[in-house]
Amino acid sequence: MILIPTFNRFTEHPASVGQTWGEHARFALSASAIMAWASFAALVHAVAPPLFKTTTHNALERLYAMFVERET
């Protein structure tokens, strides 16, 4: 049996959260960038506490706001 992937598999989840594939990709990439920046800042802060004192906290607040805004 040959499984043929369909585009529906790529659009089903975005549609379930009220987004197109492109909107969902942009949202997910933005969230990923924020998390990567927060992770980098936390790593540097762990080694050098004077640096990036509030960066991770601010990034997580921004990420939370993105998810709350998306739900409304």
Protein backbone atom coordinates (compact mmCIF):
# COMPACT_ATOMS: atom_id res chain seq x y z
CA MET A 1 0.00 0.00 0.00
CA ILE A 2 1.39 3.39 -0.96
CA LEU A 3 0.65 6.26 1.38
CA ILE A 4 0.20 9.50 -0.48
CA PRO A 5 0.62 12.54 1.76
CA THR A 6 -2.06 15.15 1.32
CA PHE A 7 -1.90 18.87 1.97
CA ASN A 8 -4.84 18.38 4.34
CA ARG A 9 -2.45 16.91 6.89
CA PHE A 10 -0.60 20.24 6.88
CA THR A 11 -3.70 22.42 7.12
CA GLU A 12 -5.84 20.45 9.56
CA HIS A 13 -4.19 21.66 12.77
CA PRO A 14 -3.81 25.32 11.72
CA ALA A 15 -7.49 25.35 10.74
CA SER A 16 -8.41 23.90 14.15
CA VAL A 17 -6.91 26.99 15.80
CA GLY A 18 -8.41 29.41 13.28
CA GLN A 19 -5.32 30.04 11.17
CA THR A 20 -4.16 29.40 7.65
CA TRP A 21 -1.01 27.36 7.13
CA GLY A 22 1.01 30.55 6.53
CA GLU A 23 -0.37 32.31 9.61
CA HIS A 24 0.35 29.27 11.73
CA ALA A 25 3.89 28.95 10.34
CA ARG A 26 4.59 32.63 11.07
CA PHE A 27 3.20 32.31 14.61
CA ALA A 28 5.20 29.13 15.32
CA LEU A 29 8.42 30.60 13.91
CA SER A 30 7.94 33.76 16.01
CA ALA A 31 7.38 31.66 19.13
CA SER A 32 10.45 29.59 18.30
CA ALA A 33 12.61 32.71 17.89
CA ILE A 34 11.44 34.11 21.23
CA MET A 35 12.17 30.80 22.97
CA ALA A 36 15.61 30.55 21.34
CA TRP A 37 16.48 34.09 22.46
CA ALA A 38 15.20 33.39 26.00
CA SER A 39 17.22 30.18 26.13
CA PHE A 40 20.39 31.93 24.97
CA ALA A 41 19.89 34.76 27.48
CA ALA A 42 19.31 32.27 30.32
CA LEU A 43 22.45 30.35 29.37
CA VAL A 44 24.58 33.50 29.38
CA HIS A 45 22.93 34.69 32.60
CA ALA A 46 23.76 31.38 34.30
CA VAL A 47 27.47 31.95 33.63
CA ALA A 48 27.50 35.74 34.02
CA PRO A 49 24.62 36.79 36.33
CA PRO A 50 25.00 40.54 35.71
CA LEU A 51 24.08 39.99 32.05
CA PHE A 52 20.53 39.52 30.74
CA LYS A 53 18.98 39.94 34.20
CA THR A 54 15.40 40.28 32.92
CA THR A 55 15.68 39.16 29.31
CA THR A 56 14.31 35.65 29.79
CA HIS A 57 11.46 36.89 31.99
CA ASN A 58 10.54 39.56 29.42
CA ALA A 59 10.71 37.08 26.55
CA LEU A 60 8.42 34.64 28.35
CA GLU A 61 5.94 37.43 29.09
CA ARG A 62 5.97 38.34 25.38
CA LEU A 63 5.43 34.71 24.42
CA TYR A 64 2.54 34.39 26.89
CA ALA A 65 0.96 37.56 25.49
CA MET A 66 1.20 36.12 21.96
CA PHE A 67 -0.71 33.01 22.99
CA VAL A 68 -3.35 34.95 24.93
CA GLU A 69 -3.85 37.36 22.00
CA ARG A 70 -4.23 34.45 19.60
CA GLU A 71 -7.05 33.00 21.68
CA THR A 72 -9.13 36.18 21.59
